[in-house]
Each structure stands twice: as structure tokens, then as C-alpha cells.
């Protein structure tokens, strides 16, 4: 029963990864970058609950952060960057190592807060993190591939779909 709960939590945590991946996929990524980004997201969705369960509770007690506001700002800035770069011949938002790591970290912040909750309830953090990792990597891979298909079918117009998705994600976390 606990594994099923972790699976549904993983789906919830992976939805923003899927949405952001869909938006980024419209920038016509190479397949090897799709694979690397998916693996990075999976890694961070494994790591962040561990960090949340071990150090997160004490960190939040000393430095209260509104993680939803932070994520909303990041998504808004990404949408703005995508909008400003929409007319470039190649919209390369996640093409180098640093930008892929930033992408993976951004969509994994919410698993940090879930890790705090799991740490407080003495849950099976390794099993939960493993499930979060696998599901989020698959969702990211699917989103990036679907975004790439949108780009192939609709060309530059698909970038606007990505911008709208990022803005909607930003609003979701803001409110």
C-alpha cells in the first residue's frame, strides 16, 4: 500500500517536470540531450527527497522559504527568456550541462519539500526516492519527445505553446 502511495506522489511531483519538458521540447532538442535531461531530472528527484528528509526540516526552521513563490518566479523567468529568444534561429534553452542541471533542479524543488514531510513521518525514503526518480525521468522524457513532435509539426508556433505552459505553471505555483 505504501508503494502505491509513493507512486501517486511521484505522478504528482512529475507533472511539472512533464509540463516544463513539453515547453522545452518545443525548442527542437537533440535526442541525446533529451536522454541526458531525463536522467538528470530522475537523479534530482532521487536526491532532493533525501536532502529534504535529512537537512530540510532544520534548514526550513532557521530560514523559512516560500518554495512555491521561488518556483513561480523561476518558471516566469524561463517563460520570459523563451519569449525574448523566440525569433532566434535556434531556441536553445537547455543545451549545455549547466542549463540541463538548472532545469533538473528547478523541477525537483517540490520533491525537496515532500522529502521534509517524509522525513517527519519516518517513511521509507529510499523506496520513495527511487519511485520518484523513475517516474519523473519517464515523464520528462515523454514531455521532451512530445514537445519535439510539436515543433516538428508546428515549427516556431510551438514555442508559443511552451511559453504559455511556463506562464501557467508560474501562476499555478504563485496561487
C-alpha atoms as a PDB file:
ATOM      1  CA  UNK A   1       0.000   0.000   0.000  1.00  0.00           C
ATOM      2  CA  UNK A   2       2.834   2.405   0.881  1.00  0.00           C
ATOM      3  CA  UNK A   3       4.470   1.827  -2.534  1.00  0.00           C
ATOM      4  CA  UNK A   4       1.196   2.762  -4.251  1.00  0.00           C
ATOM      5  CA  UNK A   5       1.068   5.996  -2.258  1.00  0.00           C
ATOM      6  CA  UNK A   6       4.654   6.771  -3.316  1.00  0.00           C
ATOM      7  CA  UNK A   7       3.720   6.073  -6.931  1.00  0.00           C
ATOM      8  CA  UNK A   8       0.825   8.552  -6.839  1.00  0.00           C
ATOM      9  CA  UNK A   9       3.036  11.107  -5.093  1.00  0.00           C
ATOM     10  CA  UNK A  10       5.599  10.554  -7.867  1.00  0.00           C
ATOM     11  CA  UNK A  11       2.984  11.252 -10.535  1.00  0.00           C
ATOM     12  CA  UNK A  12       2.027  14.484  -8.791  1.00  0.00           C
ATOM     13  CA  UNK A  13       5.661  15.527  -8.436  1.00  0.00           C
ATOM     14  CA  UNK A  14       6.369  14.673 -12.075  1.00  0.00           C
ATOM     15  CA  UNK A  15       3.599  16.763 -13.606  1.00  0.00           C
ATOM     16  CA  UNK A  16       5.591  19.995 -13.512  1.00  0.00           C
ATOM     17  CA  UNK A  17       8.588  18.138 -14.949  1.00  0.00           C
ATOM     18  CA  UNK A  18       6.369  16.916 -17.778  1.00  0.00           C
ATOM     19  CA  UNK A  19       4.919  20.387 -18.410  1.00  0.00           C
ATOM     20  CA  UNK A  20       8.273  22.111 -18.402  1.00  0.00           C
ATOM     21  CA  UNK A  21       9.760  19.337 -20.543  1.00  0.00           C
ATOM     22  CA  UNK A  22       6.914  19.805 -23.010  1.00  0.00           C
ATOM     23  CA  UNK A  23       7.695  23.505 -23.167  1.00  0.00           C
ATOM     24  CA  UNK A  24      11.425  22.905 -23.616  1.00  0.00           C
ATOM     25  CA  UNK A  25      10.854  20.152 -26.130  1.00  0.00           C
ATOM     26  CA  UNK A  26       9.414  22.748 -28.494  1.00  0.00           C
ATOM     27  CA  UNK A  27      12.917  24.174 -28.823  1.00  0.00           C
ATOM     28  CA  UNK A  28      13.869  21.169 -31.002  1.00  0.00           C
ATOM     29  CA  UNK A  29      16.371  19.353 -28.786  1.00  0.00           C
ATOM     30  CA  UNK A  30      18.702  16.634 -29.951  1.00  0.00           C
ATOM     31  CA  UNK A  31      17.794  13.131 -28.774  1.00  0.00           C
ATOM     32  CA  UNK A  32      20.951  12.710 -26.661  1.00  0.00           C
ATOM     33  CA  UNK A  33      20.058  15.907 -24.757  1.00  0.00           C
ATOM     34  CA  UNK A  34      16.549  14.558 -24.195  1.00  0.00           C
ATOM     35  CA  UNK A  35      18.061  11.414 -22.668  1.00  0.00           C
ATOM     36  CA  UNK A  36      20.570  13.373 -20.550  1.00  0.00           C
ATOM     37  CA  UNK A  37      17.919  15.822 -19.290  1.00  0.00           C
ATOM     38  CA  UNK A  38      15.604  12.952 -18.364  1.00  0.00           C
ATOM     39  CA  UNK A  39      18.363  11.204 -16.421  1.00  0.00           C
ATOM     40  CA  UNK A  40      19.264  14.438 -14.618  1.00  0.00           C
ATOM     41  CA  UNK A  41      15.651  15.047 -13.616  1.00  0.00           C
ATOM     42  CA  UNK A  42      15.438  11.466 -12.359  1.00  0.00           C
ATOM     43  CA  UNK A  43      18.641  11.936 -10.367  1.00  0.00           C
ATOM     44  CA  UNK A  44      17.428  15.151  -8.743  1.00  0.00           C
ATOM     45  CA  UNK A  45      14.047  13.595  -7.943  1.00  0.00           C
ATOM     46  CA  UNK A  46      16.013  10.888  -6.140  1.00  0.00           C
ATOM     47  CA  UNK A  47      18.402  13.270  -4.371  1.00  0.00           C
ATOM     48  CA  UNK A  48      16.024  16.043  -3.282  1.00  0.00           C
ATOM     49  CA  UNK A  49      13.737  13.932  -1.042  1.00  0.00           C
ATOM     50  CA  UNK A  50      16.862  12.640   0.705  1.00  0.00           C
ATOM     51  CA  UNK A  51      18.084  16.168   1.273  1.00  0.00           C
ATOM     52  CA  UNK A  52      14.643  17.227   2.403  1.00  0.00           C
ATOM     53  CA  UNK A  53      14.328  14.368   4.857  1.00  0.00           C
ATOM     54  CA  UNK A  54      17.766  14.853   6.409  1.00  0.00           C
ATOM     55  CA  UNK A  55      18.626  18.548   6.422  1.00  0.00           C
ATOM     56  CA  UNK A  56      15.485  20.197   5.133  1.00  0.00           C
ATOM     57  CA  UNK A  57      13.479  20.265   8.311  1.00  0.00           C
ATOM     58  CA  UNK A  58      16.175  22.049  10.303  1.00  0.00           C
ATOM     59  CA  UNK A  59      17.013  24.389   7.399  1.00  0.00           C
ATOM     60  CA  UNK A  60      13.384  25.450   6.947  1.00  0.00           C
ATOM     61  CA  UNK A  61      13.110  26.052  10.703  1.00  0.00           C
ATOM     62  CA  UNK A  62      16.037  28.512  10.565  1.00  0.00           C
ATOM     63  CA  UNK A  63      15.430  30.023   7.106  1.00  0.00           C
ATOM     64  CA  UNK A  64      11.745  29.900   6.197  1.00  0.00           C
ATOM     65  CA  UNK A  65      11.361  29.873   2.409  1.00  0.00           C
ATOM     66  CA  UNK A  66       8.253  30.009   0.310  1.00  0.00           C
ATOM     67  CA  UNK A  67       9.265  27.347  -2.206  1.00  0.00           C
ATOM     68  CA  UNK A  68       6.110  27.855  -4.254  1.00  0.00           C
ATOM     69  CA  UNK A  69       6.982  31.515  -4.771  1.00  0.00           C
ATOM     70  CA  UNK A  70      10.537  30.591  -5.722  1.00  0.00           C
ATOM     71  CA  UNK A  71       9.334  28.053  -8.303  1.00  0.00           C
ATOM     72  CA  UNK A  72       6.765  30.539  -9.683  1.00  0.00           C
ATOM     73  CA  UNK A  73       9.479  33.159 -10.193  1.00  0.00           C
ATOM     74  CA  UNK A  74      11.781  30.643 -11.883  1.00  0.00           C
ATOM     75  CA  UNK A  75       9.048  29.488 -14.286  1.00  0.00           C
ATOM     76  CA  UNK A  76       8.116  33.092 -15.074  1.00  0.00           C
ATOM     77  CA  UNK A  77      11.750  33.961 -15.832  1.00  0.00           C
ATOM     78  CA  UNK A  78      12.054  30.883 -18.049  1.00  0.00           C
ATOM     79  CA  UNK A  79       8.908  31.914 -19.956  1.00  0.00           C
ATOM     80  CA  UNK A  80      10.312  35.423 -20.335  1.00  0.00           C
ATOM     81  CA  UNK A  81      13.626  34.051 -21.614  1.00  0.00           C
ATOM     82  CA  UNK A  82      11.810  31.806 -24.059  1.00  0.00           C
ATOM     83  CA  UNK A  83       9.699  34.742 -25.272  1.00  0.00           C
ATOM     84  CA  UNK A  84      12.702  37.021 -25.726  1.00  0.00           C
ATOM     85  CA  UNK A  85      14.569  34.321 -27.667  1.00  0.00           C
ATOM     86  CA  UNK A  86      11.601  33.179 -29.767  1.00  0.00           C
ATOM     87  CA  UNK A  87      12.898  34.702 -33.009  1.00  0.00           C
ATOM     88  CA  UNK A  88      16.389  33.241 -32.824  1.00  0.00           C
ATOM     89  CA  UNK A  89      17.180  30.636 -35.437  1.00  0.00           C
ATOM     90  CA  UNK A  90      17.656  28.045 -32.735  1.00  0.00           C
ATOM     91  CA  UNK A  91      15.916  28.369 -29.401  1.00  0.00           C
ATOM     92  CA  UNK A  92      18.470  26.651 -27.185  1.00  0.00           C
ATOM     93  CA  UNK A  93      17.272  26.820 -23.617  1.00  0.00           C
ATOM     94  CA  UNK A  94      18.650  23.547 -22.295  1.00  0.00           C
ATOM     95  CA  UNK A  95      21.591  22.733 -24.488  1.00  0.00           C
ATOM     96  CA  UNK A  96      24.603  22.796 -22.199  1.00  0.00           C
ATOM     97  CA  UNK A  97      25.405  20.951 -18.997  1.00  0.00           C
ATOM     98  CA  UNK A  98      24.647  23.895 -16.676  1.00  0.00           C
ATOM     99  CA  UNK A  99      21.251  24.658 -18.215  1.00  0.00           C
ATOM    100  CA  UNK A 100      20.234  20.985 -18.047  1.00  0.00           C
ATOM    101  CA  UNK A 101      21.263  20.813 -14.379  1.00  0.00           C
ATOM    102  CA  UNK A 102      19.306  24.017 -13.670  1.00  0.00           C
ATOM    103  CA  UNK A 103      16.274  22.572 -15.474  1.00  0.00           C
ATOM    104  CA  UNK A 104      16.509  19.330 -13.471  1.00  0.00           C
ATOM    105  CA  UNK A 105      16.965  21.197 -10.189  1.00  0.00           C
ATOM    106  CA  UNK A 106      14.042  23.524 -10.893  1.00  0.00           C
ATOM    107  CA  UNK A 107      11.526  20.747 -11.475  1.00  0.00           C
ATOM    108  CA  UNK A 108      12.821  18.854  -8.423  1.00  0.00           C
ATOM    109  CA  UNK A 109      12.393  21.558  -5.793  1.00  0.00           C
ATOM    110  CA  UNK A 110       8.941  20.283  -4.869  1.00  0.00           C
ATOM    111  CA  UNK A 111      10.360  16.827  -4.093  1.00  0.00           C
ATOM    112  CA  UNK A 112      12.591  18.516  -1.503  1.00  0.00           C
ATOM    113  CA  UNK A 113       9.532  19.683   0.432  1.00  0.00           C
ATOM    114  CA  UNK A 114       7.940  16.244   0.069  1.00  0.00           C
ATOM    115  CA  UNK A 115      11.187  14.832   1.476  1.00  0.00           C
ATOM    116  CA  UNK A 116      10.768  17.035   4.548  1.00  0.00           C
ATOM    117  CA  UNK A 117       7.295  15.584   5.106  1.00  0.00           C
ATOM    118  CA  UNK A 118       8.504  12.026   4.501  1.00  0.00           C
ATOM    119  CA  UNK A 119      11.362  12.568   6.953  1.00  0.00           C
ATOM    120  CA  UNK A 120       8.930  13.677   9.633  1.00  0.00           C
ATOM    121  CA  UNK A 121       6.757  10.594   9.150  1.00  0.00           C
ATOM    122  CA  UNK A 122       9.632   8.074   9.209  1.00  0.00           C
ATOM    123  CA  UNK A 123       8.714   6.872   5.734  1.00  0.00           C
ATOM    124  CA  UNK A 124      10.792   4.569   3.569  1.00  0.00           C
ATOM    125  CA  UNK A 125      12.766   7.366   1.932  1.00  0.00           C
ATOM    126  CA  UNK A 126      14.887   5.124  -0.320  1.00  0.00           C
ATOM    127  CA  UNK A 127      11.849   3.425  -1.854  1.00  0.00           C
ATOM    128  CA  UNK A 128      10.013   6.716  -2.238  1.00  0.00           C
ATOM    129  CA  UNK A 129      13.013   8.436  -3.829  1.00  0.00           C
ATOM    130  CA  UNK A 130      13.550   5.538  -6.242  1.00  0.00           C
ATOM    131  CA  UNK A 131       9.938   5.680  -7.398  1.00  0.00           C
ATOM    132  CA  UNK A 132      10.074   9.497  -7.684  1.00  0.00           C
ATOM    133  CA  UNK A 133      13.233   9.181  -9.757  1.00  0.00           C
ATOM    134  CA  UNK A 134      11.930   6.625 -12.241  1.00  0.00           C
ATOM    135  CA  UNK A 135       8.540   8.253 -12.742  1.00  0.00           C
ATOM    136  CA  UNK A 136       9.938  11.772 -13.136  1.00  0.00           C
ATOM    137  CA  UNK A 137      12.582  10.610 -15.641  1.00  0.00           C
ATOM    138  CA  UNK A 138       9.876   8.904 -17.719  1.00  0.00           C
ATOM    139  CA  UNK A 139       7.568  11.932 -17.541  1.00  0.00           C
ATOM    140  CA  UNK A 140      10.415  14.249 -18.539  1.00  0.00           C
ATOM    141  CA  UNK A 141      11.393  12.007 -21.437  1.00  0.00           C
ATOM    142  CA  UNK A 142       7.767  11.869 -22.627  1.00  0.00           C
ATOM    143  CA  UNK A 143       7.335  15.636 -22.325  1.00  0.00           C
ATOM    144  CA  UNK A 144      10.537  16.404 -24.224  1.00  0.00           C
ATOM    145  CA  UNK A 145       9.620  13.983 -27.017  1.00  0.00           C
ATOM    146  CA  UNK A 146       6.087  15.337 -27.279  1.00  0.00           C
ATOM    147  CA  UNK A 147       7.430  18.892 -27.372  1.00  0.00           C
ATOM    148  CA  UNK A 148       9.839  17.899 -30.119  1.00  0.00           C
ATOM    149  CA  UNK A 149       6.934  16.429 -32.124  1.00  0.00           C
ATOM    150  CA  UNK A 150       5.005  19.672 -31.658  1.00  0.00           C
ATOM    151  CA  UNK A 151       8.000  21.592 -33.002  1.00  0.00           C
ATOM    152  CA  UNK A 152       8.311  19.278 -35.984  1.00  0.00           C
ATOM    153  CA  UNK A 153       4.620  19.667 -36.766  1.00  0.00           C
ATOM    154  CA  UNK A 154       4.033  23.342 -35.980  1.00  0.00           C
ATOM    155  CA  UNK A 155       7.512  24.852 -36.174  1.00  0.00           C
ATOM    156  CA  UNK A 156       8.082  28.173 -34.409  1.00  0.00           C
ATOM    157  CA  UNK A 157       4.421  28.387 -33.368  1.00  0.00           C
ATOM    158  CA  UNK A 158       5.068  25.562 -30.915  1.00  0.00           C
ATOM    159  CA  UNK A 159       7.406  27.861 -28.958  1.00  0.00           C
ATOM    160  CA  UNK A 160       4.376  29.952 -28.004  1.00  0.00           C
ATOM    161  CA  UNK A 161       2.762  26.801 -26.632  1.00  0.00           C
ATOM    162  CA  UNK A 162       5.854  26.344 -24.465  1.00  0.00           C
ATOM    163  CA  UNK A 163       5.687  29.966 -23.277  1.00  0.00           C
ATOM    164  CA  UNK A 164       2.012  29.601 -22.314  1.00  0.00           C
ATOM    165  CA  UNK A 165       2.747  26.368 -20.437  1.00  0.00           C
ATOM    166  CA  UNK A 166       5.533  28.074 -18.463  1.00  0.00           C
ATOM    167  CA  UNK A 167       3.301  31.038 -17.625  1.00  0.00           C
ATOM    168  CA  UNK A 168       0.509  28.728 -16.477  1.00  0.00           C
ATOM    169  CA  UNK A 169       2.963  26.800 -14.301  1.00  0.00           C
ATOM    170  CA  UNK A 170       4.186  30.065 -12.844  1.00  0.00           C
ATOM    171  CA  UNK A 171       0.637  31.097 -11.980  1.00  0.00           C
ATOM    172  CA  UNK A 172      -0.104  27.653 -10.523  1.00  0.00           C
ATOM    173  CA  UNK A 173       2.769  27.982  -8.059  1.00  0.00           C
ATOM    174  CA  UNK A 174       2.054  31.633  -7.353  1.00  0.00           C
ATOM    175  CA  UNK A 175      -1.539  30.942  -6.334  1.00  0.00           C
END
